[in-house]
Amino acid sequence: MLDTIILIIVINVAYMTMTTLRLILVIKGYPKAASILSVLEVFIYLMGLTMVLDNLDNPWNMAAYCLGWGLGVYIGSLIEGKLALGYILFEIIINLEDAEIVHELRSKGYGVTSWLADGKDGQKICMTVIAKRKNEKKLRNTVLEMWPKAFIISYEPSNLSGGFLVKQMKVRKK
């Protein structure tokens, strides 16, 4: 009985991890990889569900199924965080006298578009910086180490075309 419960948990952890990753792959624009993963995902799902349905008189099997489901979502989220697919867009606002950040970020390989703006306390430099999602913390830390008062907003863009990063991606694919 304990073997069955552990097996149900393991099967559902694997299933839900794959489900979470498949959904993320679809959202991030990797439909072929998501389709391939879904074949294995459904096979594992059917194995786990069959084990539970064959033993509906055992509430521990159902509890194991639910526990495996929750753990699978959590583990899938952790894996996605490590994969960090996609890009992150930063909007950064600093005081005009700190304008060297533009050159510093460019020297570190980031594509930076900057412009002057008027803020409540005077002239500001506004910047748009795009980076791979796996570099999000590194970019944020770089900005805040050098300019602790920087105002930063970050978000994931849904579509990219043209610009510094897209040109870099085309060069690497050749």
Protein backbone atom coordinates (compact mmCIF):
# COMPACT_ATOMS: atom_id res chain seq x y z
CA MET A 1 0.00 0.00 0.00
CA LEU A 2 2.76 2.47 0.89
CA ASP A 3 4.50 1.61 -2.39
CA THR A 4 1.34 2.51 -4.31
CA ILE A 5 0.95 5.82 -2.45
CA ILE A 6 4.58 6.79 -3.13
CA LEU A 7 4.25 5.77 -6.78
CA ILE A 8 1.09 7.89 -7.18
CA ILE A 9 2.88 10.89 -5.68
CA VAL A 10 5.93 10.42 -7.95
CA ILE A 11 3.75 9.97 -11.04
CA ASN A 12 1.72 13.09 -10.29
CA VAL A 13 4.81 15.15 -9.50
CA ALA A 14 6.21 14.16 -12.90
CA TYR A 15 2.88 14.81 -14.61
CA MET A 16 2.26 18.23 -13.12
CA THR A 17 5.87 19.31 -13.58
CA MET A 18 5.50 18.51 -17.28
CA THR A 19 2.10 20.22 -17.43
CA THR A 20 3.54 23.39 -15.91
CA LEU A 21 6.49 23.37 -18.29
CA ARG A 22 4.26 22.64 -21.29
CA LEU A 23 2.01 25.58 -20.50
CA ILE A 24 5.01 27.86 -20.17
CA LEU A 25 6.46 26.59 -23.45
CA VAL A 26 3.17 27.36 -25.20
CA ILE A 27 2.99 30.85 -23.68
CA LYS A 28 6.63 31.58 -24.58
CA GLY A 29 6.12 30.50 -28.19
CA TYR A 30 7.63 26.99 -28.32
CA PRO A 31 4.66 24.98 -29.65
CA LYS A 32 6.71 22.09 -31.09
CA ALA A 33 8.54 21.41 -27.82
CA ALA A 34 5.23 21.73 -25.94
CA SER A 35 3.57 19.20 -28.27
CA ILE A 36 6.35 16.66 -27.81
CA LEU A 37 6.27 17.10 -24.03
CA SER A 38 2.48 16.70 -23.99
CA VAL A 39 2.70 13.15 -25.40
CA LEU A 40 4.77 12.00 -22.42
CA GLU A 41 2.67 14.12 -20.07
CA VAL A 42 -0.61 12.44 -21.05
CA PHE A 43 0.93 8.95 -20.81
CA ILE A 44 2.09 9.65 -17.24
CA TYR A 45 -1.26 11.23 -16.37
CA LEU A 46 -3.18 8.15 -17.51
CA MET A 47 -0.94 5.84 -15.45
CA GLY A 48 -1.51 7.85 -12.26
CA LEU A 49 -5.24 8.34 -12.81
CA THR A 50 -5.72 4.64 -13.55
CA MET A 51 -4.02 3.71 -10.28
CA VAL A 52 -6.35 5.98 -8.32
CA LEU A 53 -9.53 4.99 -10.18
CA ASP A 54 -8.75 1.29 -9.75
CA ASN A 55 -8.64 1.84 -5.97
CA LEU A 56 -11.34 4.43 -5.25
CA ASP A 57 -12.00 2.75 -1.91
CA ASN A 58 -8.61 3.98 -0.62
CA PRO A 59 -8.68 7.69 0.36
CA TRP A 60 -4.89 7.64 0.83
CA ASN A 61 -4.47 7.14 -2.92
CA MET A 62 -6.59 10.21 -3.59
CA ALA A 63 -4.64 12.19 -1.02
CA ALA A 64 -1.38 11.05 -2.64
CA TYR A 65 -2.74 12.14 -6.02
CA CYS A 66 -3.54 15.62 -4.67
CA LEU A 67 -0.17 15.93 -2.91
CA GLY A 68 1.69 14.91 -6.06
CA TRP A 69 -0.33 17.44 -8.06
CA GLY A 70 0.66 20.34 -5.79
CA LEU A 71 4.31 19.30 -5.57
CA GLY A 72 4.44 18.97 -9.36
CA VAL A 73 3.18 22.51 -9.90
CA TYR A 74 5.76 23.79 -7.42
CA ILE A 75 8.66 21.85 -8.95
CA GLY A 76 7.60 22.86 -12.48
CA SER A 77 7.64 26.51 -11.39
CA LEU A 78 11.13 26.11 -9.93
CA ILE A 79 12.41 24.53 -13.14
CA GLU A 80 10.88 27.31 -15.23
CA GLY A 81 12.58 29.87 -13.02
CA LYS A 82 15.92 28.18 -13.70
CA LEU A 83 15.27 27.98 -17.44
CA ALA A 84 14.19 31.66 -17.50
CA LEU A 85 12.92 31.56 -21.06
CA GLY A 86 12.30 34.81 -22.86
CA TYR A 87 13.30 38.40 -22.27
CA ILE A 88 12.82 41.10 -19.70
CA LEU A 89 12.32 44.78 -20.45
CA PHE A 90 13.52 47.38 -17.95
CA GLU A 91 12.33 50.95 -17.78
CA ILE A 92 14.91 52.87 -15.72
CA ILE A 93 14.73 56.49 -14.63
CA ILE A 94 17.70 58.28 -13.05
CA ASN A 95 18.80 61.85 -12.39
CA LEU A 96 20.48 63.63 -15.29
CA GLU A 97 23.77 63.94 -13.37
CA ASP A 98 23.95 60.11 -13.25
CA ALA A 99 23.82 59.81 -17.05
CA GLU A 100 26.99 57.67 -17.13
CA ILE A 101 24.76 54.66 -16.46
CA VAL A 102 23.87 54.64 -20.16
CA HIS A 103 27.51 54.14 -21.16
CA GLU A 104 28.15 51.69 -18.30
CA LEU A 105 25.25 49.47 -19.33
CA ARG A 106 26.22 49.59 -22.99
CA SER A 107 29.81 48.66 -22.08
CA LYS A 108 28.40 45.58 -20.33
CA GLY A 109 26.66 44.51 -23.56
CA TYR A 110 23.10 45.69 -22.90
CA GLY A 111 21.08 47.44 -25.57
CA VAL A 112 20.06 50.80 -24.11
CA THR A 113 17.76 53.41 -25.57
CA SER A 114 17.76 56.63 -23.59
CA TRP A 115 16.11 60.04 -23.68
CA LEU A 116 15.73 63.18 -21.58
CA ALA A 117 12.59 63.73 -19.54
CA ASP A 118 11.29 66.27 -17.06
CA GLY A 119 10.62 64.94 -13.57
CA LYS A 120 9.23 66.56 -10.44
CA ASP A 121 12.74 67.38 -9.21
CA GLY A 122 14.35 68.29 -12.52
CA GLN A 123 15.72 66.62 -15.62
CA LYS A 124 15.89 62.85 -15.76
CA ILE A 125 17.33 60.23 -18.06
CA CYS A 126 14.83 57.55 -19.06
CA MET A 127 16.11 54.28 -20.43
CA THR A 128 14.68 51.17 -21.96
CA VAL A 129 16.95 48.16 -21.55
CA ILE A 130 16.20 44.64 -22.74
CA ALA A 131 17.96 41.51 -21.53
CA LYS A 132 17.48 37.78 -21.41
CA ARG A 133 15.31 36.79 -18.46
CA LYS A 134 18.14 34.74 -16.99
CA ASN A 135 20.08 38.02 -16.63
CA GLU A 136 17.28 39.93 -14.88
CA LYS A 137 18.78 39.83 -11.38
CA LYS A 138 22.25 40.63 -12.69
CA LEU A 139 20.98 43.71 -14.56
CA ARG A 140 18.86 44.89 -11.64
CA ASN A 141 21.80 44.48 -9.23
CA THR A 142 24.17 46.29 -11.61
CA VAL A 143 21.83 49.26 -11.84
CA LEU A 144 21.11 49.42 -8.10
CA GLU A 145 24.77 49.01 -7.07
CA MET A 146 25.81 51.97 -9.18
CA TRP A 147 22.63 54.03 -8.86
CA PRO A 148 20.74 53.03 -5.68
CA LYS A 149 18.06 55.68 -6.24
CA ALA A 150 17.20 54.49 -9.75
CA PHE A 151 13.51 53.97 -10.43
CA ILE A 152 13.09 50.59 -12.15
CA ILE A 153 10.10 48.86 -13.68
CA SER A 154 10.55 45.48 -15.33
CA TYR A 155 8.19 43.30 -17.33
CA GLU A 156 8.21 40.61 -20.00
CA PRO A 157 7.52 41.79 -23.54
CA SER A 158 5.15 39.58 -25.51
CA ASN A 159 6.63 40.34 -28.96
CA LEU A 160 10.00 41.53 -30.24
CA SER A 161 10.95 42.80 -33.67
CA GLY A 162 13.93 44.90 -34.69
CA GLY A 163 16.41 46.54 -32.39
CA PHE A 164 19.71 45.68 -30.74
CA LEU A 165 18.79 42.33 -29.19
CA VAL A 166 16.98 40.98 -32.26
CA LYS A 167 20.05 41.80 -34.39
CA GLN A 168 22.27 39.95 -31.89
CA MET A 169 19.98 36.90 -32.01
CA LYS A 170 20.13 36.78 -35.84
CA VAL A 171 23.95 36.94 -35.80
CA ARG A 172 24.16 34.02 -33.33
CA LYS A 173 21.78 31.83 -35.37
CA LYS A 174 24.00 32.00 -38.52
